[in-house]
């Protein structure tokens, strides 16, 4: 994974780093969660 963080504003380094780690954690949680709207196995079989 490549991660590039561009901080647009803020002066307190502690709060900036805290926001970055919280946002990264939230994004990783969403990326690795199951989507309960999808049932079965996703497949392109028969549609290509």
C-alpha atoms as a PDB file:
ATOM      1  CA  UNK A   1       0.000   0.000   0.000  1.00  0.00           C
ATOM      2  CA  UNK A   2       1.167   3.496  -0.838  1.00  0.00           C
ATOM      3  CA  UNK A   3      -0.153   6.192   1.425  1.00  0.00           C
ATOM      4  CA  UNK A   4       0.174   9.877   0.659  1.00  0.00           C
ATOM      5  CA  UNK A   5      -1.178  12.396   3.139  1.00  0.00           C
ATOM      6  CA  UNK A   6      -1.572  16.046   2.206  1.00  0.00           C
ATOM      7  CA  UNK A   7      -2.476  18.185   5.224  1.00  0.00           C
ATOM      8  CA  UNK A   8      -4.300  21.291   4.047  1.00  0.00           C
ATOM      9  CA  UNK A   9      -4.385  23.079   7.375  1.00  0.00           C
ATOM     10  CA  UNK A  10      -3.647  22.732  11.068  1.00  0.00           C
ATOM     11  CA  UNK A  11      -0.867  23.769  13.388  1.00  0.00           C
ATOM     12  CA  UNK A  12      -0.897  21.261  16.223  1.00  0.00           C
ATOM     13  CA  UNK A  13       1.142  18.260  15.067  1.00  0.00           C
ATOM     14  CA  UNK A  14      -0.452  15.952  17.646  1.00  0.00           C
ATOM     15  CA  UNK A  15      -3.966  16.653  16.389  1.00  0.00           C
ATOM     16  CA  UNK A  16      -2.904  16.363  12.756  1.00  0.00           C
ATOM     17  CA  UNK A  17      -1.328  12.929  13.333  1.00  0.00           C
ATOM     18  CA  UNK A  18      -4.315  11.799  15.389  1.00  0.00           C
ATOM     19  CA  UNK A  19      -6.706  12.755  12.576  1.00  0.00           C
ATOM     20  CA  UNK A  20      -4.539  10.963   9.995  1.00  0.00           C
ATOM     21  CA  UNK A  21      -4.453   7.716  11.982  1.00  0.00           C
ATOM     22  CA  UNK A  22      -8.176   7.825  12.733  1.00  0.00           C
ATOM     23  CA  UNK A  23      -9.007   8.421   9.059  1.00  0.00           C
ATOM     24  CA  UNK A  24      -6.676   5.609   7.971  1.00  0.00           C
ATOM     25  CA  UNK A  25      -8.242   3.243  10.507  1.00  0.00           C
ATOM     26  CA  UNK A  26     -11.734   4.139   9.320  1.00  0.00           C
ATOM     27  CA  UNK A  27     -10.792   3.659   5.654  1.00  0.00           C
ATOM     28  CA  UNK A  28      -9.151   0.279   6.345  1.00  0.00           C
ATOM     29  CA  UNK A  29     -12.200  -0.831   8.340  1.00  0.00           C
ATOM     30  CA  UNK A  30     -14.500   0.032   5.438  1.00  0.00           C
ATOM     31  CA  UNK A  31     -12.194  -1.622   2.898  1.00  0.00           C
ATOM     32  CA  UNK A  32     -12.058  -4.908   4.796  1.00  0.00           C
ATOM     33  CA  UNK A  33     -15.688  -5.147   5.913  1.00  0.00           C
ATOM     34  CA  UNK A  34     -18.232  -7.471   4.364  1.00  0.00           C
ATOM     35  CA  UNK A  35     -20.951  -5.815   2.338  1.00  0.00           C
ATOM     36  CA  UNK A  36     -24.187  -7.312   3.677  1.00  0.00           C
ATOM     37  CA  UNK A  37     -26.056  -6.165   0.555  1.00  0.00           C
ATOM     38  CA  UNK A  38     -24.163  -8.768  -1.486  1.00  0.00           C
ATOM     39  CA  UNK A  39     -25.258 -12.385  -1.172  1.00  0.00           C
ATOM     40  CA  UNK A  40     -23.290 -15.302  -2.514  1.00  0.00           C
ATOM     41  CA  UNK A  41     -20.025 -15.091  -4.382  1.00  0.00           C
ATOM     42  CA  UNK A  42     -19.410 -12.274  -6.807  1.00  0.00           C
ATOM     43  CA  UNK A  43     -18.668 -13.666 -10.246  1.00  0.00           C
ATOM     44  CA  UNK A  44     -18.517 -12.434 -13.810  1.00  0.00           C
ATOM     45  CA  UNK A  45     -19.181 -15.956 -15.114  1.00  0.00           C
ATOM     46  CA  UNK A  46     -21.678 -15.861 -17.947  1.00  0.00           C
ATOM     47  CA  UNK A  47     -21.643 -12.075 -18.272  1.00  0.00           C
ATOM     48  CA  UNK A  48     -18.428 -11.632 -20.230  1.00  0.00           C
END
